[in-house]
Amino acid sequence: MITDTLKVFVTVAEERNFSRAAKLLHLSQPGVSLHIRNLEDELGAKLMLRSPKQVRLTEAGEILFRKAKQMLALYEEAQQEIHLLRDVVTGSLIIGASFTIGEYILPAVLAEYAQQYPEVDVQVHISNTDNIVHDIRDGRFHIGLVEGSTTAKDVQLTTFMEDEMVLVMSPDHPLAVFKSIDPGMLQDQVWVMRESGSGTRAYSDRLIEDGGLAVKRSFVFSSSQGVKEAAAAGLGIAVLSRWVVRKELASGELSEVKLKGMKLSRDLLQVHSKDQPAGMALLKFVHILEQHAKRHYADL
C-alpha cells in the first residue's frame, strides 16, 4: 500500500538515518531503501541525499514530507472512524514524555490502555520538556506529556495532574537530621540537578532564584535517575518528584526535608498540536490518563 511506503519515507525523513528508521519500522535496511527507491521512481524526483553521517531531504523531499504527514494523519483518522463502526480502536499512538512521566507514571497508564485497546500500536519517546514541545510542533508525536511550564504559545496545554516535589538528600547529609527547615538554610549548598531544558531543572532554578539562594557548587545529570543516585551517594541536595524517589524514601536510601511555609508542587501537562486532529486512539488514551491521575496521584 502507498501508505506503507509513505510511512517508511516519513520515518527516514524524521530519523535522518536509514538504519534507525529500519529498526523503528521492524524492516531490513535494504527493504527501507527499496521503498524509497520505488517512491522516487514513481514521482520521477530525487527525494533524499545520503551521506555516511545522515540523510538530507531534497526540495522535492521536503514537499513530500509535509504532505505525506498530512496524508498519513488523515488516513489514520479515517481508519479509526471506520473501525468505530464495529467498536474497535486501532491505529498507532506516538507519545513524547519527559523523564519523570515517561519512566515513573506512564508505564502503569499504558498497561491499562493496552489491556483495553490491544490493537493500538504504541511508541513512547522520552526526552526533556523543551525537546518534547519542539517535536509536538514538528508533528512527530500525537501527544506530549511534560513537567512544569513552557512558554510555547503555538501548542495547546492542559493540566492533567499536580506533582508533589520533595527536597531529598543522603541520610548522612547535615540537613537530614531535620524534619523541616527554613528555606534560608539552603544557602550555599551543593545541588544535584537535571540539565537545562528539563522541567525538573526549571523548577529547581525557580526555587533557588525565588529564595535568593547562592549555590556553592552544582552537579548536572541528564536523567532523574542520575540525580537520585547522586543525591543518595551524598553528592548534594536535590529537588525531585515524589514519583521518582518514593521507593528510596521508603527504604531509607534518601531522606526528605520539608521547607517551612512552602508547598513544593508543579503541574504535569498534556501538550497537543493545534493543527493535528485527535484520533480515537489518542482520545481513549487521554481518558485513561486523566482517570489514572484522579485515582492515584493524591495517594503519593
C-alpha atoms as a PDB file:
ATOM      1  CA  MET A   1       0.000   0.000   0.000  1.00  0.00           C
ATOM      2  CA  ILE A   2       1.111   3.544  -0.708  1.00  0.00           C
ATOM      3  CA  THR A   3       0.519   4.388   2.957  1.00  0.00           C
ATOM      4  CA  ASP A   4       3.179   1.842   3.956  1.00  0.00           C
ATOM      5  CA  THR A   5       5.683   3.448   1.595  1.00  0.00           C
ATOM      6  CA  LEU A   6       4.818   6.948   2.811  1.00  0.00           C
ATOM      7  CA  LYS A   7       5.244   5.808   6.418  1.00  0.00           C
ATOM      8  CA  VAL A   8       8.717   4.487   5.560  1.00  0.00           C
ATOM      9  CA  PHE A   9       9.593   7.782   3.845  1.00  0.00           C
ATOM     10  CA  VAL A  10       8.369   9.916   6.767  1.00  0.00           C
ATOM     11  CA  THR A  11      10.234   7.777   9.317  1.00  0.00           C
ATOM     12  CA  VAL A  12      13.515   8.025   7.384  1.00  0.00           C
ATOM     13  CA  ALA A  13      12.998  11.788   6.991  1.00  0.00           C
ATOM     14  CA  GLU A  14      12.401  12.215  10.730  1.00  0.00           C
ATOM     15  CA  GLU A  15      15.274   9.998  11.832  1.00  0.00           C
ATOM     16  CA  ARG A  16      17.667  11.242   9.107  1.00  0.00           C
ATOM     17  CA  ASN A  17      19.068   7.731   9.142  1.00  0.00           C
ATOM     18  CA  PHE A  18      18.120   4.553   7.241  1.00  0.00           C
ATOM     19  CA  SER A  19      19.257   2.048   9.870  1.00  0.00           C
ATOM     20  CA  ARG A  20      17.396   3.786  12.740  1.00  0.00           C
ATOM     21  CA  ALA A  21      14.272   4.014  10.588  1.00  0.00           C
ATOM     22  CA  ALA A  22      14.546   0.321   9.696  1.00  0.00           C
ATOM     23  CA  LYS A  23      14.786  -0.577  13.383  1.00  0.00           C
ATOM     24  CA  LEU A  24      11.718   1.513  14.288  1.00  0.00           C
ATOM     25  CA  LEU A  25       9.720   0.024  11.409  1.00  0.00           C
ATOM     26  CA  HIS A  26      10.894  -3.565  12.031  1.00  0.00           C
ATOM     27  CA  LEU A  27      12.165  -3.766   8.449  1.00  0.00           C
ATOM     28  CA  SER A  28      15.524  -4.622   6.938  1.00  0.00           C
ATOM     29  CA  GLN A  29      17.641  -1.701   5.755  1.00  0.00           C
ATOM     30  CA  PRO A  30      17.532  -2.943   2.125  1.00  0.00           C
ATOM     31  CA  GLY A  31      13.733  -3.086   2.452  1.00  0.00           C
ATOM     32  CA  VAL A  32      13.635   0.547   3.558  1.00  0.00           C
ATOM     33  CA  SER A  33      15.930   1.547   0.685  1.00  0.00           C
ATOM     34  CA  LEU A  34      13.652  -0.262  -1.783  1.00  0.00           C
ATOM     35  CA  HIS A  35      10.599   1.665  -0.544  1.00  0.00           C
ATOM     36  CA  ILE A  36      12.422   4.985  -1.038  1.00  0.00           C
ATOM     37  CA  ARG A  37      13.728   3.978  -4.474  1.00  0.00           C
ATOM     38  CA  ASN A  38      10.254   2.921  -5.643  1.00  0.00           C
ATOM     39  CA  LEU A  39       8.800   6.197  -4.396  1.00  0.00           C
ATOM     40  CA  GLU A  40      11.464   8.220  -6.232  1.00  0.00           C
ATOM     41  CA  ASP A  41      10.823   6.215  -9.426  1.00  0.00           C
ATOM     42  CA  GLU A  42       7.074   6.775  -9.144  1.00  0.00           C
ATOM     43  CA  LEU A  43       7.438  10.534  -8.607  1.00  0.00           C
ATOM     44  CA  GLY A  44      10.333  10.980 -11.013  1.00  0.00           C
ATOM     45  CA  ALA A  45      12.318  13.010  -8.487  1.00  0.00           C
ATOM     46  CA  LYS A  46      15.208  12.542  -6.097  1.00  0.00           C
ATOM     47  CA  LEU A  47      13.816  12.779  -2.559  1.00  0.00           C
ATOM     48  CA  MET A  48      16.836  12.139  -0.348  1.00  0.00           C
ATOM     49  CA  LEU A  49      20.579  12.736  -0.416  1.00  0.00           C
ATOM     50  CA  ARG A  50      22.505  10.114   1.515  1.00  0.00           C
ATOM     51  CA  SER A  51      25.873  10.643   3.212  1.00  0.00           C
ATOM     52  CA  PRO A  52      27.801   8.439   5.667  1.00  0.00           C
ATOM     53  CA  LYS A  53      26.543  10.507   8.613  1.00  0.00           C
ATOM     54  CA  GLN A  54      22.957  11.404   7.771  1.00  0.00           C
ATOM     55  CA  VAL A  55      20.168  11.713   5.222  1.00  0.00           C
ATOM     56  CA  ARG A  56      19.122  15.114   3.845  1.00  0.00           C
ATOM     57  CA  LEU A  57      15.866  15.858   2.078  1.00  0.00           C
ATOM     58  CA  THR A  58      15.929  17.484  -1.343  1.00  0.00           C
ATOM     59  CA  GLU A  59      13.489  20.283  -2.169  1.00  0.00           C
ATOM     60  CA  ALA A  60      11.113  17.661  -3.595  1.00  0.00           C
ATOM     61  CA  GLY A  61      11.630  15.573  -0.462  1.00  0.00           C
ATOM     62  CA  GLU A  62      10.688  18.490   1.802  1.00  0.00           C
ATOM     63  CA  ILE A  63       7.446  18.981  -0.140  1.00  0.00           C
ATOM     64  CA  LEU A  64       6.559  15.290   0.064  1.00  0.00           C
ATOM     65  CA  PHE A  65       7.494  15.156   3.771  1.00  0.00           C
ATOM     66  CA  ARG A  66       4.962  17.867   4.654  1.00  0.00           C
ATOM     67  CA  LYS A  67       2.206  16.388   2.510  1.00  0.00           C
ATOM     68  CA  ALA A  68       2.896  12.771   3.496  1.00  0.00           C
ATOM     69  CA  LYS A  69       2.468  13.552   7.202  1.00  0.00           C
ATOM     70  CA  GLN A  70      -0.899  15.152   6.466  1.00  0.00           C
ATOM     71  CA  MET A  71      -1.969  12.206   4.283  1.00  0.00           C
ATOM     72  CA  LEU A  72      -0.993   9.626   6.907  1.00  0.00           C
ATOM     73  CA  ALA A  73      -2.829  11.543   9.637  1.00  0.00           C
ATOM     74  CA  LEU A  74      -5.982  11.723   7.507  1.00  0.00           C
ATOM     75  CA  TYR A  75      -5.737   8.036   6.588  1.00  0.00           C
ATOM     76  CA  GLU A  76      -5.388   7.015  10.227  1.00  0.00           C
ATOM     77  CA  GLU A  77      -8.313   9.247  11.195  1.00  0.00           C
ATOM     78  CA  ALA A  78     -10.476   7.622   8.502  1.00  0.00           C
ATOM     79  CA  GLN A  79      -9.291   4.160   9.541  1.00  0.00           C
ATOM     80  CA  GLN A  80     -10.243   4.790  13.157  1.00  0.00           C
ATOM     81  CA  GLU A  81     -13.669   6.170  12.237  1.00  0.00           C
ATOM     82  CA  ILE A  82     -14.365   3.106  10.094  1.00  0.00           C
ATOM     83  CA  HIS A  83     -13.265   0.764  12.876  1.00  0.00           C
ATOM     84  CA  LEU A  84     -15.547   2.615  15.269  1.00  0.00           C
ATOM     85  CA  LEU A  85     -18.429   1.232  13.236  1.00  0.00           C
ATOM     86  CA  ARG A  86     -17.544  -2.123  14.805  1.00  0.00           C
ATOM     87  CA  ASP A  87     -16.474  -0.556  18.123  1.00  0.00           C
ATOM     88  CA  VAL A  88     -12.755  -1.320  17.711  1.00  0.00           C
ATOM     89  CA  VAL A  89      -9.981   1.231  18.310  1.00  0.00           C
ATOM     90  CA  THR A  90      -6.936   0.655  16.095  1.00  0.00           C
ATOM     91  CA  GLY A  91      -4.041   2.591  14.614  1.00  0.00           C
ATOM     92  CA  SER A  92      -0.971   3.985  16.303  1.00  0.00           C
ATOM     93  CA  LEU A  93      -0.257   6.266  19.236  1.00  0.00           C
ATOM     94  CA  ILE A  94       3.099   8.040  19.471  1.00  0.00           C
ATOM     95  CA  ILE A  95       3.767   9.678  22.831  1.00  0.00           C
ATOM     96  CA  GLY A  96       6.548  12.065  23.762  1.00  0.00           C
ATOM     97  CA  ALA A  97       7.103  12.130  27.524  1.00  0.00           C
ATOM     98  CA  SER A  98       9.550  13.900  29.788  1.00  0.00           C
ATOM     99  CA  PHE A  99      11.632  11.682  32.064  1.00  0.00           C
ATOM    100  CA  THR A 100       9.590  11.726  35.284  1.00  0.00           C
ATOM    101  CA  ILE A 101       6.346  10.986  33.461  1.00  0.00           C
ATOM    102  CA  GLY A 102       7.796   8.544  30.945  1.00  0.00           C
ATOM    103  CA  GLU A 103       9.708   6.469  33.480  1.00  0.00           C
ATOM    104  CA  TYR A 104       7.515   6.591  36.592  1.00  0.00           C
ATOM    105  CA  ILE A 105       3.900   7.437  35.661  1.00  0.00           C
ATOM    106  CA  LEU A 106       3.294   6.339  32.079  1.00  0.00           C
ATOM    107  CA  PRO A 107       4.027   2.578  32.400  1.00  0.00           C
ATOM    108  CA  ALA A 108       1.000   1.954  34.647  1.00  0.00           C
ATOM    109  CA  VAL A 109      -1.221   4.094  32.405  1.00  0.00           C
ATOM    110  CA  LEU A 110      -0.109   2.193  29.306  1.00  0.00           C
ATOM    111  CA  ALA A 111      -0.667  -1.171  30.986  1.00  0.00           C
ATOM    112  CA  GLU A 112      -4.320  -0.241  31.449  1.00  0.00           C
ATOM    113  CA  TYR A 113      -4.532   1.240  27.943  1.00  0.00           C
ATOM    114  CA  ALA A 114      -3.003  -1.843  26.307  1.00  0.00           C
ATOM    115  CA  GLN A 115      -5.452  -4.095  28.104  1.00  0.00           C
ATOM    116  CA  GLN A 116      -8.446  -2.114  26.867  1.00  0.00           C
ATOM    117  CA  TYR A 117      -7.168  -1.364  23.349  1.00  0.00           C
ATOM    118  CA  PRO A 118      -4.877  -4.216  22.294  1.00  0.00           C
ATOM    119  CA  GLU A 119      -4.993  -3.309  18.590  1.00  0.00           C
ATOM    120  CA  VAL A 120      -3.295   0.082  19.009  1.00  0.00           C
ATOM    121  CA  ASP A 121       0.472   0.181  18.401  1.00  0.00           C
ATOM    122  CA  VAL A 122       2.138   2.467  20.969  1.00  0.00           C
ATOM    123  CA  GLN A 123       5.545   4.155  20.812  1.00  0.00           C
ATOM    124  CA  VAL A 124       6.991   6.210  23.679  1.00  0.00           C
ATOM    125  CA  HIS A 125       9.869   8.644  23.186  1.00  0.00           C
ATOM    126  CA  ILE A 126      11.440  10.029  26.377  1.00  0.00           C
ATOM    127  CA  SER A 127      13.259  13.359  26.388  1.00  0.00           C
ATOM    128  CA  ASN A 128      13.256  16.642  28.285  1.00  0.00           C
ATOM    129  CA  THR A 129      10.393  19.142  28.233  1.00  0.00           C
ATOM    130  CA  ASP A 130      11.871  21.528  25.654  1.00  0.00           C
ATOM    131  CA  ASN A 131      12.555  18.703  23.194  1.00  0.00           C
ATOM    132  CA  ILE A 132       9.053  17.257  23.600  1.00  0.00           C
ATOM    133  CA  VAL A 133       7.399  20.625  22.882  1.00  0.00           C
ATOM    134  CA  HIS A 134       9.643  21.096  19.830  1.00  0.00           C
ATOM    135  CA  ASP A 135       8.709  17.662  18.459  1.00  0.00           C
ATOM    136  CA  ILE A 136       4.978  18.280  19.023  1.00  0.00           C
ATOM    137  CA  ARG A 137       5.346  21.386  16.841  1.00  0.00           C
ATOM    138  CA  ASP A 138       7.003  19.245  14.162  1.00  0.00           C
ATOM    139  CA  GLY A 139       4.181  16.687  14.256  1.00  0.00           C
ATOM    140  CA  ARG A 140       6.332  13.786  15.483  1.00  0.00           C
ATOM    141  CA  PHE A 141       4.049  12.898  18.400  1.00  0.00           C
ATOM    142  CA  HIS A 142       0.291  12.620  18.845  1.00  0.00           C
ATOM    143  CA  ILE A 143       0.641  13.912  22.413  1.00  0.00           C
ATOM    144  CA  GLY A 144       3.360  15.245  24.679  1.00  0.00           C
ATOM    145  CA  LEU A 145       3.413  14.824  28.459  1.00  0.00           C
ATOM    146  CA  VAL A 146       5.693  17.276  30.242  1.00  0.00           C
ATOM    147  CA  GLU A 147       6.506  18.688  33.665  1.00  0.00           C
ATOM    148  CA  GLY A 148       6.275  22.263  34.840  1.00  0.00           C
ATOM    149  CA  SER A 149       5.672  25.155  32.491  1.00  0.00           C
ATOM    150  CA  THR A 150       6.517  26.102  28.938  1.00  0.00           C
ATOM    151  CA  THR A 151       6.403  29.474  27.217  1.00  0.00           C
ATOM    152  CA  ALA A 152       5.277  27.917  23.935  1.00  0.00           C
ATOM    153  CA  LYS A 153       2.230  29.724  22.525  1.00  0.00           C
ATOM    154  CA  ASP A 154       1.668  27.616  19.405  1.00  0.00           C
ATOM    155  CA  VAL A 155       0.666  24.409  21.216  1.00  0.00           C
ATOM    156  CA  GLN A 156      -2.329  23.514  23.370  1.00  0.00           C
ATOM    157  CA  LEU A 157      -1.564  22.859  27.059  1.00  0.00           C
ATOM    158  CA  THR A 158      -3.838  21.025  29.502  1.00  0.00           C
ATOM    159  CA  THR A 159      -3.008  20.172  33.126  1.00  0.00           C
ATOM    160  CA  PHE A 160      -3.735  16.533  33.983  1.00  0.00           C
ATOM    161  CA  MET A 161      -2.085  16.137  37.397  1.00  0.00           C
ATOM    162  CA  GLU A 162      -0.455  18.019  40.249  1.00  0.00           C
ATOM    163  CA  ASP A 163       3.006  16.664  41.001  1.00  0.00           C
ATOM    164  CA  GLU A 164       4.439  16.966  44.520  1.00  0.00           C
ATOM    165  CA  MET A 165       8.124  17.883  44.616  1.00  0.00           C
ATOM    166  CA  VAL A 166      10.386  16.909  47.506  1.00  0.00           C
ATOM    167  CA  LEU A 167      13.762  18.072  48.781  1.00  0.00           C
ATOM    168  CA  VAL A 168      15.941  14.979  49.202  1.00  0.00           C
ATOM    169  CA  MET A 169      19.462  14.137  50.254  1.00  0.00           C
ATOM    170  CA  SER A 170      21.594  11.334  51.654  1.00  0.00           C
ATOM    171  CA  PRO A 171      20.694  10.304  55.232  1.00  0.00           C
ATOM    172  CA  ASP A 172      24.282  11.324  56.110  1.00  0.00           C
ATOM    173  CA  HIS A 173      23.813  14.914  54.891  1.00  0.00           C
ATOM    174  CA  PRO A 174      23.981  17.534  57.713  1.00  0.00           C
ATOM    175  CA  LEU A 175      20.453  18.769  56.882  1.00  0.00           C
ATOM    176  CA  ALA A 176      18.977  15.253  57.069  1.00  0.00           C
ATOM    177  CA  VAL A 177      18.685  15.456  60.860  1.00  0.00           C
ATOM    178  CA  PHE A 178      15.847  17.990  60.453  1.00  0.00           C
ATOM    179  CA  LYS A 179      12.240  17.152  59.556  1.00  0.00           C
ATOM    180  CA  SER A 180      11.746  20.686  58.257  1.00  0.00           C
ATOM    181  CA  ILE A 181      13.950  23.740  57.791  1.00  0.00           C
ATOM    182  CA  ASP A 182      13.658  27.403  56.917  1.00  0.00           C
ATOM    183  CA  PRO A 183      14.353  27.921  53.181  1.00  0.00           C
ATOM    184  CA  GLY A 184      17.310  30.130  54.127  1.00  0.00           C
ATOM    185  CA  MET A 185      19.166  27.051  55.377  1.00  0.00           C
ATOM    186  CA  LEU A 186      19.622  26.052  51.729  1.00  0.00           C
ATOM    187  CA  GLN A 187      22.072  28.938  51.313  1.00  0.00           C
ATOM    188  CA  ASP A 188      25.486  27.870  49.939  1.00  0.00           C
ATOM    189  CA  GLN A 189      24.542  24.208  49.495  1.00  0.00           C
ATOM    190  CA  VAL A 190      25.813  21.792  46.848  1.00  0.00           C
ATOM    191  CA  TRP A 191      22.971  20.909  44.440  1.00  0.00           C
ATOM    192  CA  VAL A 192      22.439  17.942  42.146  1.00  0.00           C
ATOM    193  CA  MET A 193      20.312  18.971  39.155  1.00  0.00           C
ATOM    194  CA  ARG A 194      18.904  17.950  35.797  1.00  0.00           C
ATOM    195  CA  GLU A 195      20.131  19.554  32.584  1.00  0.00           C
ATOM    196  CA  SER A 196      18.824  22.846  31.170  1.00  0.00           C
ATOM    197  CA  GLY A 197      15.615  22.281  29.200  1.00  0.00           C
ATOM    198  CA  SER A 198      14.278  19.836  31.790  1.00  0.00           C
ATOM    199  CA  GLY A 199      11.095  20.701  33.686  1.00  0.00           C
ATOM    200  CA  THR A 200      12.708  19.452  36.894  1.00  0.00           C
ATOM    201  CA  ARG A 201      15.702  21.746  36.323  1.00  0.00           C
ATOM    202  CA  ALA A 202      13.400  24.711  35.677  1.00  0.00           C
ATOM    203  CA  TYR A 203      11.640  24.021  38.990  1.00  0.00           C
ATOM    204  CA  SER A 204      14.947  23.861  40.916  1.00  0.00           C
ATOM    205  CA  ASP A 205      16.166  27.052  39.237  1.00  0.00           C
ATOM    206  CA  ARG A 206      12.971  28.896  40.215  1.00  0.00           C
ATOM    207  CA  LEU A 207      13.233  27.693  43.818  1.00  0.00           C
ATOM    208  CA  ILE A 208      16.831  28.906  44.043  1.00  0.00           C
ATOM    209  CA  GLU A 209      16.101  32.226  42.334  1.00  0.00           C
ATOM    210  CA  ASP A 210      12.928  32.991  44.312  1.00  0.00           C
ATOM    211  CA  GLY A 211      14.730  32.221  47.574  1.00  0.00           C
ATOM    212  CA  GLY A 212      17.733  34.373  46.683  1.00  0.00           C
ATOM    213  CA  LEU A 213      19.950  31.350  47.288  1.00  0.00           C
ATOM    214  CA  ALA A 214      23.620  31.098  46.415  1.00  0.00           C
ATOM    215  CA  VAL A 215      24.692  27.699  45.072  1.00  0.00           C
ATOM    216  CA  LYS A 216      28.059  26.551  46.398  1.00  0.00           C
ATOM    217  CA  ARG A 217      28.501  24.005  43.612  1.00  0.00           C
ATOM    218  CA  SER A 218      26.271  22.054  41.258  1.00  0.00           C
ATOM    219  CA  PHE A 219      26.400  18.658  39.566  1.00  0.00           C
ATOM    220  CA  VAL A 220      24.276  18.181  36.444  1.00  0.00           C
ATOM    221  CA  PHE A 221      22.813  14.871  35.203  1.00  0.00           C
ATOM    222  CA  SER A 222      20.704  14.266  32.110  1.00  0.00           C
ATOM    223  CA  SER A 223      18.230  11.959  33.875  1.00  0.00           C
ATOM    224  CA  SER A 224      16.245  11.965  37.105  1.00  0.00           C
ATOM    225  CA  GLN A 225      17.695   8.531  37.870  1.00  0.00           C
ATOM    226  CA  GLY A 226      21.190  10.023  37.788  1.00  0.00           C
ATOM    227  CA  VAL A 227      20.177  12.910  40.062  1.00  0.00           C
ATOM    228  CA  LYS A 228      18.552  10.497  42.502  1.00  0.00           C
ATOM    229  CA  GLU A 229      21.556   8.165  42.670  1.00  0.00           C
ATOM    230  CA  ALA A 230      23.964  11.084  43.082  1.00  0.00           C
ATOM    231  CA  ALA A 231      21.938  12.571  45.939  1.00  0.00           C
ATOM    232  CA  ALA A 232      21.771   9.167  47.655  1.00  0.00           C
ATOM    233  CA  ALA A 233      25.553   8.867  47.308  1.00  0.00           C
ATOM    234  CA  GLY A 234      25.992  12.142  49.195  1.00  0.00           C
ATOM    235  CA  LEU A 235      26.905  14.401  46.284  1.00  0.00           C
ATOM    236  CA  GLY A 236      24.423  17.111  47.292  1.00  0.00           C
ATOM    237  CA  ILE A 237      20.768  18.034  47.751  1.00  0.00           C
ATOM    238  CA  ALA A 238      18.132  17.700  45.033  1.00  0.00           C
ATOM    239  CA  VAL A 239      14.509  18.546  44.341  1.00  0.00           C
ATOM    240  CA  LEU A 240      12.674  15.743  42.546  1.00  0.00           C
ATOM    241  CA  SER A 241       9.144  14.490  42.002  1.00  0.00           C
ATOM    242  CA  ARG A 242       7.841  12.220  44.748  1.00  0.00           C
ATOM    243  CA  TRP A 243       7.107   9.702  41.976  1.00  0.00           C
ATOM    244  CA  VAL A 244      10.857   9.458  41.345  1.00  0.00           C
ATOM    245  CA  VAL A 245      12.013   8.980  44.945  1.00  0.00           C
ATOM    246  CA  ARG A 246       9.150   7.228  46.731  1.00  0.00           C
ATOM    247  CA  LYS A 247      10.914   3.826  46.856  1.00  0.00           C
ATOM    248  CA  GLU A 248      14.188   5.321  48.095  1.00  0.00           C
ATOM    249  CA  LEU A 249      12.366   7.337  50.773  1.00  0.00           C
ATOM    250  CA  ALA A 250      10.559   4.200  51.930  1.00  0.00           C
ATOM    251  CA  SER A 251      13.801   2.186  52.064  1.00  0.00           C
ATOM    252  CA  GLY A 252      15.793   4.916  53.807  1.00  0.00           C
ATOM    253  CA  GLU A 253      18.266   5.392  50.942  1.00  0.00           C
ATOM    254  CA  LEU A 254      17.167   9.032  50.766  1.00  0.00           C
ATOM    255  CA  SER A 255      15.910  11.461  53.401  1.00  0.00           C
ATOM    256  CA  GLU A 256      13.223  14.090  52.832  1.00  0.00           C
ATOM    257  CA  VAL A 257      13.351  17.519  54.473  1.00  0.00           C
ATOM    258  CA  LYS A 258      10.353  19.839  54.216  1.00  0.00           C
ATOM    259  CA  LEU A 259      10.650  23.602  53.715  1.00  0.00           C
ATOM    260  CA  LYS A 260       8.693  25.607  56.281  1.00  0.00           C
ATOM    261  CA  GLY A 261       5.864  27.676  54.838  1.00  0.00           C
ATOM    262  CA  MET A 262       6.269  26.246  51.342  1.00  0.00           C
ATOM    263  CA  LYS A 263       4.302  23.776  49.263  1.00  0.00           C
ATOM    264  CA  LEU A 264       6.517  22.231  46.614  1.00  0.00           C
ATOM    265  CA  SER A 265       4.449  21.204  43.606  1.00  0.00           C
ATOM    266  CA  ARG A 266       4.099  21.715  39.873  1.00  0.00           C
ATOM    267  CA  ASP A 267       1.642  20.863  37.140  1.00  0.00           C
ATOM    268  CA  LEU A 268       2.033  17.952  34.748  1.00  0.00           C
ATOM    269  CA  LEU A 269       0.798  18.950  31.313  1.00  0.00           C
ATOM    270  CA  GLN A 270      -0.596  17.409  28.167  1.00  0.00           C
ATOM    271  CA  VAL A 271       0.823  19.098  25.062  1.00  0.00           C
ATOM    272  CA  HIS A 272      -1.181  18.909  21.839  1.00  0.00           C
ATOM    273  CA  SER A 273      -0.615  20.329  18.379  1.00  0.00           C
ATOM    274  CA  LYS A 274      -3.212  22.915  17.382  1.00  0.00           C
ATOM    275  CA  ASP A 275      -3.074  21.621  13.795  1.00  0.00           C
ATOM    276  CA  GLN A 276      -3.170  17.841  14.220  1.00  0.00           C
ATOM    277  CA  PRO A 277      -6.606  16.225  14.599  1.00  0.00           C
ATOM    278  CA  ALA A 278      -7.092  13.967  17.623  1.00  0.00           C
ATOM    279  CA  GLY A 279      -7.847  10.396  16.549  1.00  0.00           C
ATOM    280  CA  MET A 280      -9.816   7.916  18.606  1.00  0.00           C
ATOM    281  CA  ALA A 281      -6.664   6.131  19.859  1.00  0.00           C
ATOM    282  CA  LEU A 282      -5.461   9.417  21.350  1.00  0.00           C
ATOM    283  CA  LEU A 283      -8.838  10.360  22.831  1.00  0.00           C
ATOM    284  CA  LYS A 284      -9.104   6.992  24.591  1.00  0.00           C
ATOM    285  CA  PHE A 285      -5.561   7.367  25.936  1.00  0.00           C
ATOM    286  CA  VAL A 286      -6.285  10.839  27.335  1.00  0.00           C
ATOM    287  CA  HIS A 287      -9.393   9.499  29.078  1.00  0.00           C
ATOM    288  CA  ILE A 288      -7.413   6.692  30.766  1.00  0.00           C
ATOM    289  CA  LEU A 289      -4.577   9.087  31.672  1.00  0.00           C
ATOM    290  CA  GLU A 290      -6.961  11.501  33.387  1.00  0.00           C
ATOM    291  CA  GLN A 291      -8.804   8.727  35.216  1.00  0.00           C
ATOM    292  CA  HIS A 292      -5.476   7.284  36.378  1.00  0.00           C
ATOM    293  CA  ALA A 293      -4.416  10.704  37.667  1.00  0.00           C
ATOM    294  CA  LYS A 294      -7.608  11.103  39.680  1.00  0.00           C
ATOM    295  CA  ARG A 295      -7.201   7.665  41.261  1.00  0.00           C
ATOM    296  CA  HIS A 296      -3.524   7.689  42.091  1.00  0.00           C
ATOM    297  CA  TYR A 297      -1.717  10.995  42.438  1.00  0.00           C
ATOM    298  CA  ALA A 298      -3.299  12.018  45.746  1.00  0.00           C
ATOM    299  CA  ASP A 299      -2.082   8.799  47.386  1.00  0.00           C
ATOM    300  CA  LEU A 300       1.617   9.578  46.963  1.00  0.00           C
END
